[in-house]
Amino acid sequence: MLTALFINAIVVVLLIVSLAKGKQKTKKAFTIAFTTAKTLAPTVLSVILLIGLIYGLFSDTIALLFGQESGSEDLFLSRLSVE
């Protein structure tokens, strides 16, 4: 939580600096970013939905394959051993 607050604080400070340097350029950048986000949103949401469905349907199988206590390091190492 502290990391998220730190990153958000940096973003706010940089946004203020950007607005101070050029308001029109910042507004244009936000317009481009919003348009890009609007274009990518359906794809990102469908991937999140698909991952949720797979996890919901196969959570027992996933737990059986990787174990109940495995963390992200174990999953990473298991991925390396498959290749």
Protein backbone atom coordinates (compact mmCIF):
# COMPACT_ATOMS: atom_id res chain seq x y z
CA MET A 1 0.00 0.00 0.00
CA LEU A 2 2.85 2.34 0.79
CA THR A 3 4.40 1.67 -2.60
CA ALA A 4 1.16 2.56 -4.39
CA LEU A 5 0.92 5.81 -2.45
CA PHE A 6 4.52 6.64 -3.29
CA ILE A 7 4.01 5.98 -7.00
CA ASN A 8 0.79 8.01 -7.05
CA ALA A 9 2.52 10.90 -5.30
CA ILE A 10 5.27 10.87 -7.93
CA VAL A 11 2.66 10.85 -10.71
CA VAL A 12 0.85 13.84 -9.19
CA VAL A 13 4.07 15.80 -8.84
CA LEU A 14 5.07 15.04 -12.43
CA LEU A 15 1.60 15.99 -13.64
CA ILE A 16 1.88 19.35 -11.92
CA VAL A 17 5.32 19.88 -13.47
CA SER A 18 3.95 18.95 -16.89
CA LEU A 19 1.02 21.35 -16.52
CA ALA A 20 3.40 24.12 -15.47
CA LYS A 21 5.59 23.59 -18.54
CA GLY A 22 2.82 23.38 -21.11
CA LYS A 23 -0.88 23.10 -20.48
CA GLN A 24 -1.83 22.42 -24.12
CA LYS A 25 0.79 19.70 -24.55
CA THR A 26 -0.35 17.98 -21.34
CA LYS A 27 -3.98 18.14 -22.45
CA LYS A 28 -3.06 16.64 -25.82
CA ALA A 29 -1.12 13.83 -24.12
CA PHE A 30 -4.12 13.04 -21.88
CA THR A 31 -6.41 12.95 -24.92
CA ILE A 32 -4.12 10.49 -26.69
CA ALA A 33 -3.78 8.37 -23.53
CA PHE A 34 -7.56 8.28 -23.00
CA THR A 35 -8.17 7.28 -26.62
CA THR A 36 -5.59 4.51 -26.39
CA ALA A 37 -7.02 3.26 -23.09
CA LYS A 38 -10.51 3.25 -24.58
CA THR A 39 -9.25 1.18 -27.49
CA LEU A 40 -7.39 -1.33 -25.29
CA ALA A 41 -10.04 -1.68 -22.57
CA PRO A 42 -12.12 -4.46 -24.18
CA THR A 43 -9.04 -6.59 -24.79
CA VAL A 44 -7.68 -6.14 -21.28
CA LEU A 45 -11.06 -6.81 -19.67
CA SER A 46 -11.60 -9.94 -21.76
CA VAL A 47 -8.19 -11.30 -20.74
CA ILE A 48 -8.96 -10.60 -17.06
CA LEU A 49 -12.35 -12.30 -17.45
CA LEU A 50 -10.79 -15.31 -19.16
CA ILE A 51 -8.15 -15.69 -16.44
CA GLY A 52 -10.87 -15.45 -13.78
CA LEU A 53 -12.99 -18.09 -15.49
CA ILE A 54 -10.04 -20.44 -15.90
CA TYR A 55 -9.07 -19.99 -12.27
CA GLY A 56 -12.66 -20.46 -11.12
CA LEU A 57 -13.18 -23.61 -13.14
CA PHE A 58 -9.79 -25.21 -12.61
CA SER A 59 -8.63 -23.91 -9.21
CA ASP A 60 -8.53 -27.43 -7.75
CA THR A 61 -6.41 -28.67 -10.64
CA ILE A 62 -4.10 -25.66 -10.39
CA ALA A 63 -3.68 -26.25 -6.65
CA LEU A 64 -3.00 -29.93 -7.30
CA LEU A 65 -0.34 -29.15 -9.92
CA PHE A 66 1.47 -26.37 -8.09
CA GLY A 67 0.54 -27.04 -4.45
CA GLN A 68 -1.44 -24.99 -1.95
CA GLU A 69 1.59 -23.28 -0.43
CA SER A 70 3.44 -22.34 -3.60
CA GLY A 71 4.26 -18.70 -4.07
CA SER A 72 5.20 -16.68 -7.12
CA GLU A 73 8.80 -17.91 -6.96
CA ASP A 74 7.67 -21.54 -7.09
CA LEU A 75 5.39 -20.85 -10.04
CA PHE A 76 8.23 -19.10 -11.85
CA LEU A 77 10.61 -21.99 -11.20
CA SER A 78 8.01 -24.51 -12.33
CA ARG A 79 7.58 -22.55 -15.58
CA LEU A 80 11.35 -22.65 -16.15
CA SER A 81 11.48 -26.41 -15.60
CA VAL A 82 8.81 -27.01 -18.27
CA GLU A 83 10.83 -25.36 -21.03
